[in-house]
């Protein structure tokens, strides 16, 4: 179980590693985190998933990317490139994994 203040690590498809600082967590309902390069403070952007049970076999997932606090100008172009279509693609990958289980 994740708790606010914990850090979990992810390995990106390009080989980079991110330390993800959990800023919100409700078991089965919500997780939000701020990614950072290993050993550095998060630069300000935040990812989150919110889950809402719609029945015994259905869940609505909302994926949010918030970069309003992003202060590192070198990251702004990439933040702007994170479009609704890219977030939807992430949700589709999540659905695919969930349906395999």
N, C-alpha and C. Protein backbone atom coordinates (compact mmCIF):
# COMPACT_ATOMS: atom_id res chain seq x y z
N UNK A 1 0.85 -1.17 0.00
CA UNK A 1 0.00 0.00 0.00
C UNK A 1 0.90 1.24 0.00
N UNK A 2 0.53 2.21 -0.80
CA UNK A 2 1.26 3.48 -0.86
C UNK A 2 0.71 4.45 0.18
N UNK A 3 1.59 5.28 0.70
CA UNK A 3 1.18 6.32 1.64
C UNK A 3 1.76 7.64 1.17
N UNK A 4 1.07 8.72 1.52
CA UNK A 4 1.57 10.05 1.20
C UNK A 4 2.96 10.19 1.80
N UNK A 5 3.88 10.69 1.01
CA UNK A 5 5.27 10.84 1.44
C UNK A 5 6.17 9.71 0.98
N UNK A 6 5.60 8.57 0.61
CA UNK A 6 6.42 7.46 0.10
C UNK A 6 6.89 7.77 -1.31
N UNK A 7 7.91 7.06 -1.73
CA UNK A 7 8.46 7.21 -3.07
C UNK A 7 8.49 5.83 -3.71
N UNK A 8 7.98 5.74 -4.93
CA UNK A 8 8.11 4.50 -5.70
C UNK A 8 8.85 4.82 -6.99
N UNK A 9 9.57 3.84 -7.50
CA UNK A 9 10.42 4.04 -8.66
C UNK A 9 9.79 3.40 -9.89
N UNK A 10 9.90 4.10 -11.01
CA UNK A 10 9.47 3.53 -12.29
C UNK A 10 10.63 3.62 -13.28
N UNK A 11 10.62 2.68 -14.20
CA UNK A 11 11.61 2.65 -15.27
C UNK A 11 10.88 2.98 -16.56
N UNK A 12 11.26 4.06 -17.20
CA UNK A 12 10.59 4.52 -18.40
C UNK A 12 11.04 3.71 -19.61
N UNK A 13 10.24 3.73 -20.66
CA UNK A 13 10.56 2.96 -21.86
C UNK A 13 11.84 3.44 -22.53
N UNK A 14 12.27 4.66 -22.25
CA UNK A 14 13.52 5.18 -22.82
C UNK A 14 14.74 4.85 -21.95
N UNK A 15 14.52 4.06 -20.88
CA UNK A 15 15.61 3.64 -20.02
C UNK A 15 15.85 4.52 -18.81
N UNK A 16 15.20 5.67 -18.74
CA UNK A 16 15.37 6.56 -17.60
C UNK A 16 14.59 6.04 -16.39
N UNK A 17 15.02 6.48 -15.22
CA UNK A 17 14.38 6.10 -13.97
C UNK A 17 13.76 7.34 -13.35
N UNK A 18 12.58 7.18 -12.75
CA UNK A 18 11.93 8.27 -12.04
C UNK A 18 11.59 7.83 -10.63
N UNK A 19 11.81 8.73 -9.68
CA UNK A 19 11.34 8.55 -8.31
C UNK A 19 10.03 9.31 -8.20
N UNK A 20 8.97 8.61 -7.87
CA UNK A 20 7.63 9.20 -7.84
C UNK A 20 7.21 9.42 -6.39
N UNK A 21 7.02 10.68 -6.03
CA UNK A 21 6.69 11.08 -4.66
C UNK A 21 5.17 11.12 -4.51
N UNK A 22 4.63 10.22 -3.70
CA UNK A 22 3.18 10.13 -3.52
C UNK A 22 2.68 11.34 -2.73
N UNK A 23 1.71 12.06 -3.31
CA UNK A 23 1.15 13.24 -2.66
C UNK A 23 -0.31 13.05 -2.25
N UNK A 24 -0.95 11.99 -2.75
CA UNK A 24 -2.32 11.66 -2.34
C UNK A 24 -2.53 10.17 -2.57
N UNK A 25 -3.21 9.53 -1.64
CA UNK A 25 -3.50 8.11 -1.81
C UNK A 25 -4.72 7.72 -0.99
N UNK A 26 -5.67 7.10 -1.66
CA UNK A 26 -6.84 6.50 -1.03
C UNK A 26 -6.98 5.12 -1.66
N UNK A 27 -6.80 4.08 -0.89
CA UNK A 27 -6.83 2.70 -1.39
C UNK A 27 -8.06 2.47 -2.27
N UNK A 28 -7.83 2.02 -3.49
CA UNK A 28 -8.90 1.70 -4.41
C UNK A 28 -9.61 2.89 -5.01
N UNK A 29 -9.16 4.12 -4.71
CA UNK A 29 -9.88 5.29 -5.19
C UNK A 29 -8.99 6.36 -5.85
N UNK A 30 -7.79 6.57 -5.32
CA UNK A 30 -6.98 7.68 -5.85
C UNK A 30 -5.50 7.49 -5.52
N UNK A 31 -4.68 7.85 -6.50
CA UNK A 31 -3.25 8.00 -6.26
C UNK A 31 -2.77 9.18 -7.09
N UNK A 32 -1.95 10.02 -6.48
CA UNK A 32 -1.33 11.15 -7.18
C UNK A 32 0.14 11.19 -6.78
N UNK A 33 0.98 11.51 -7.73
CA UNK A 33 2.42 11.53 -7.47
C UNK A 33 3.09 12.60 -8.30
N UNK A 34 4.25 13.03 -7.80
CA UNK A 34 5.09 13.99 -8.50
C UNK A 34 6.41 13.29 -8.84
N UNK A 35 6.68 13.10 -10.12
CA UNK A 35 7.92 12.42 -10.52
C UNK A 35 9.13 13.34 -10.44
N UNK A 36 10.29 12.71 -10.24
CA UNK A 36 11.55 13.45 -10.19
C UNK A 36 12.68 12.54 -10.65
N UNK A 37 13.73 13.15 -11.12
CA UNK A 37 14.93 12.38 -11.41
C UNK A 37 15.50 11.89 -10.08
N UNK A 38 16.13 10.72 -10.07
CA UNK A 38 16.64 10.16 -8.82
C UNK A 38 17.51 11.16 -8.05
N UNK A 39 17.17 11.32 -6.77
CA UNK A 39 17.93 12.19 -5.88
C UNK A 39 17.58 13.66 -5.96
N UNK A 40 16.69 14.04 -6.87
CA UNK A 40 16.32 15.45 -7.02
C UNK A 40 14.90 15.69 -6.52
N UNK A 41 14.59 16.92 -6.22
CA UNK A 41 13.23 17.29 -5.82
C UNK A 41 12.33 17.29 -7.05
N UNK A 42 11.06 16.96 -6.89
CA UNK A 42 10.13 17.03 -8.03
C UNK A 42 10.06 18.45 -8.59
N UNK A 43 10.07 18.59 -9.92
CA UNK A 43 10.06 19.92 -10.51
C UNK A 43 8.68 20.59 -10.52
N UNK A 44 7.63 19.88 -10.14
CA UNK A 44 6.34 20.55 -10.00
C UNK A 44 5.16 19.94 -10.71
N UNK A 45 5.36 19.02 -11.65
CA UNK A 45 4.20 18.44 -12.32
C UNK A 45 3.68 17.24 -11.54
N UNK A 46 2.42 16.94 -11.74
CA UNK A 46 1.77 15.88 -10.95
C UNK A 46 0.88 15.02 -11.85
N UNK A 47 0.95 13.72 -11.63
CA UNK A 47 0.10 12.74 -12.30
C UNK A 47 -0.87 12.17 -11.27
N UNK A 48 -2.05 11.80 -11.73
CA UNK A 48 -2.98 11.14 -10.81
C UNK A 48 -3.94 10.23 -11.56
N UNK A 49 -4.42 9.24 -10.84
CA UNK A 49 -5.51 8.37 -11.28
C UNK A 49 -6.57 8.41 -10.21
N UNK A 50 -7.82 8.58 -10.61
CA UNK A 50 -8.95 8.48 -9.69
C UNK A 50 -9.84 7.36 -10.21
N UNK A 51 -10.29 6.50 -9.30
CA UNK A 51 -11.12 5.35 -9.66
C UNK A 51 -12.48 5.46 -9.00
N UNK A 52 -13.52 5.13 -9.76
CA UNK A 52 -14.88 5.14 -9.23
C UNK A 52 -15.55 3.83 -9.63
N UNK A 53 -15.91 3.02 -8.65
CA UNK A 53 -16.58 1.75 -8.92
C UNK A 53 -17.96 2.02 -9.52
N UNK A 54 -18.26 1.35 -10.63
CA UNK A 54 -19.55 1.49 -11.29
C UNK A 54 -20.37 0.22 -11.17
N UNK A 55 -19.81 -0.78 -10.56
CA UNK A 55 -20.47 -2.07 -10.39
C UNK A 55 -19.42 -3.10 -10.05
N UNK A 56 -19.82 -4.37 -9.95
CA UNK A 56 -18.87 -5.40 -9.54
C UNK A 56 -17.73 -5.64 -10.55
N UNK A 57 -17.95 -5.28 -11.81
CA UNK A 57 -16.92 -5.55 -12.82
C UNK A 57 -16.60 -4.31 -13.66
N UNK A 58 -16.99 -3.14 -13.19
CA UNK A 58 -16.75 -1.92 -13.96
C UNK A 58 -16.22 -0.83 -13.05
N UNK A 59 -15.23 -0.09 -13.57
CA UNK A 59 -14.64 1.03 -12.84
C UNK A 59 -14.37 2.16 -13.82
N UNK A 60 -14.72 3.36 -13.42
CA UNK A 60 -14.37 4.54 -14.21
C UNK A 60 -13.02 5.04 -13.70
N UNK A 61 -12.08 5.24 -14.62
CA UNK A 61 -10.76 5.75 -14.26
C UNK A 61 -10.58 7.12 -14.91
N UNK A 62 -10.12 8.08 -14.11
CA UNK A 62 -9.82 9.42 -14.61
C UNK A 62 -8.33 9.65 -14.42
N UNK A 63 -7.67 10.02 -15.49
CA UNK A 63 -6.22 10.24 -15.48
C UNK A 63 -5.96 11.73 -15.68
N UNK A 64 -5.19 12.32 -14.77
CA UNK A 64 -4.94 13.76 -14.83
C UNK A 64 -3.44 14.03 -14.82
N UNK A 65 -3.05 15.01 -15.62
CA UNK A 65 -1.68 15.51 -15.63
C UNK A 65 -1.76 17.01 -15.37
N UNK A 66 -1.21 17.45 -14.27
CA UNK A 66 -1.28 18.86 -13.87
C UNK A 66 0.13 19.43 -13.84
N UNK A 67 0.39 20.38 -14.70
CA UNK A 67 1.73 20.99 -14.75
C UNK A 67 1.68 22.47 -14.41
N UNK A 68 0.63 22.90 -13.72
CA UNK A 68 0.51 24.32 -13.37
C UNK A 68 1.62 24.80 -12.43
N UNK A 69 2.21 23.89 -11.64
CA UNK A 69 3.29 24.27 -10.72
C UNK A 69 4.68 23.98 -11.29
N UNK A 70 4.75 23.58 -12.55
CA UNK A 70 6.03 23.24 -13.16
C UNK A 70 6.85 24.51 -13.37
N UNK A 71 8.00 24.58 -12.71
CA UNK A 71 8.84 25.78 -12.75
C UNK A 71 10.03 25.64 -13.70
N UNK A 72 10.39 24.43 -14.09
CA UNK A 72 11.55 24.18 -14.92
C UNK A 72 11.19 24.42 -16.40
N UNK A 73 11.65 25.54 -16.94
CA UNK A 73 11.30 25.90 -18.31
C UNK A 73 11.74 24.87 -19.33
N UNK A 74 12.78 24.11 -19.03
CA UNK A 74 13.24 23.10 -19.99
C UNK A 74 12.24 21.95 -20.13
N UNK A 75 11.28 21.85 -19.21
CA UNK A 75 10.29 20.77 -19.25
C UNK A 75 8.94 21.22 -19.82
N UNK A 76 8.79 22.51 -20.09
CA UNK A 76 7.48 23.03 -20.51
C UNK A 76 7.03 22.48 -21.87
N UNK A 77 7.94 22.36 -22.82
CA UNK A 77 7.54 21.85 -24.14
C UNK A 77 6.99 20.43 -24.03
N UNK A 78 7.65 19.61 -23.25
CA UNK A 78 7.15 18.23 -23.08
C UNK A 78 5.82 18.23 -22.33
N UNK A 79 5.68 19.10 -21.34
CA UNK A 79 4.41 19.17 -20.60
C UNK A 79 3.28 19.56 -21.55
N UNK A 80 3.52 20.52 -22.40
CA UNK A 80 2.50 20.95 -23.36
C UNK A 80 2.16 19.84 -24.36
N UNK A 81 3.11 18.95 -24.60
CA UNK A 81 2.88 17.84 -25.54
C UNK A 81 2.07 16.70 -24.92
N UNK A 82 1.82 16.77 -23.63
CA UNK A 82 1.02 15.75 -22.96
C UNK A 82 -0.45 16.12 -23.16
N UNK A 83 -0.97 15.68 -24.27
CA UNK A 83 -2.31 16.04 -24.72
C UNK A 83 -3.37 15.10 -24.15
N UNK A 84 -4.64 15.48 -24.26
CA UNK A 84 -5.71 14.56 -23.84
C UNK A 84 -5.61 13.20 -24.55
N UNK A 85 -5.16 13.21 -25.81
CA UNK A 85 -5.02 11.94 -26.54
C UNK A 85 -3.96 11.04 -25.90
N UNK A 86 -2.89 11.62 -25.42
CA UNK A 86 -1.86 10.82 -24.73
C UNK A 86 -2.36 10.28 -23.40
N UNK A 87 -3.14 11.08 -22.69
CA UNK A 87 -3.72 10.59 -21.44
C UNK A 87 -4.71 9.47 -21.72
N UNK A 88 -5.48 9.61 -22.78
CA UNK A 88 -6.42 8.54 -23.15
C UNK A 88 -5.67 7.27 -23.51
N UNK A 89 -4.55 7.39 -24.21
CA UNK A 89 -3.74 6.21 -24.55
C UNK A 89 -3.25 5.52 -23.28
N UNK A 90 -2.88 6.30 -22.27
CA UNK A 90 -2.46 5.73 -21.00
C UNK A 90 -3.61 4.97 -20.33
N UNK A 91 -4.81 5.55 -20.39
CA UNK A 91 -5.98 4.86 -19.84
C UNK A 91 -6.29 3.58 -20.60
N UNK A 92 -6.09 3.60 -21.90
CA UNK A 92 -6.31 2.39 -22.70
C UNK A 92 -5.32 1.29 -22.30
N UNK A 93 -4.07 1.66 -22.03
CA UNK A 93 -3.09 0.66 -21.57
C UNK A 93 -3.49 0.11 -20.20
N UNK A 94 -3.97 0.99 -19.32
CA UNK A 94 -4.44 0.55 -18.01
C UNK A 94 -5.61 -0.41 -18.16
N UNK A 95 -6.56 -0.08 -19.03
CA UNK A 95 -7.71 -0.97 -19.26
C UNK A 95 -7.25 -2.33 -19.78
N UNK A 96 -6.33 -2.33 -20.70
CA UNK A 96 -5.81 -3.57 -21.27
C UNK A 96 -5.21 -4.47 -20.18
N UNK A 97 -4.41 -3.88 -19.32
CA UNK A 97 -3.78 -4.64 -18.23
C UNK A 97 -4.85 -5.15 -17.26
N UNK A 98 -5.80 -4.31 -16.92
CA UNK A 98 -6.85 -4.70 -15.99
C UNK A 98 -7.70 -5.84 -16.55
N UNK A 99 -7.98 -5.80 -17.84
CA UNK A 99 -8.82 -6.83 -18.45
C UNK A 99 -8.09 -8.16 -18.58
N UNK A 100 -6.76 -8.14 -18.57
CA UNK A 100 -5.98 -9.38 -18.62
C UNK A 100 -6.07 -10.16 -17.31
N UNK A 101 -6.41 -9.50 -16.23
CA UNK A 101 -6.43 -10.13 -14.90
C UNK A 101 -7.70 -10.86 -14.64
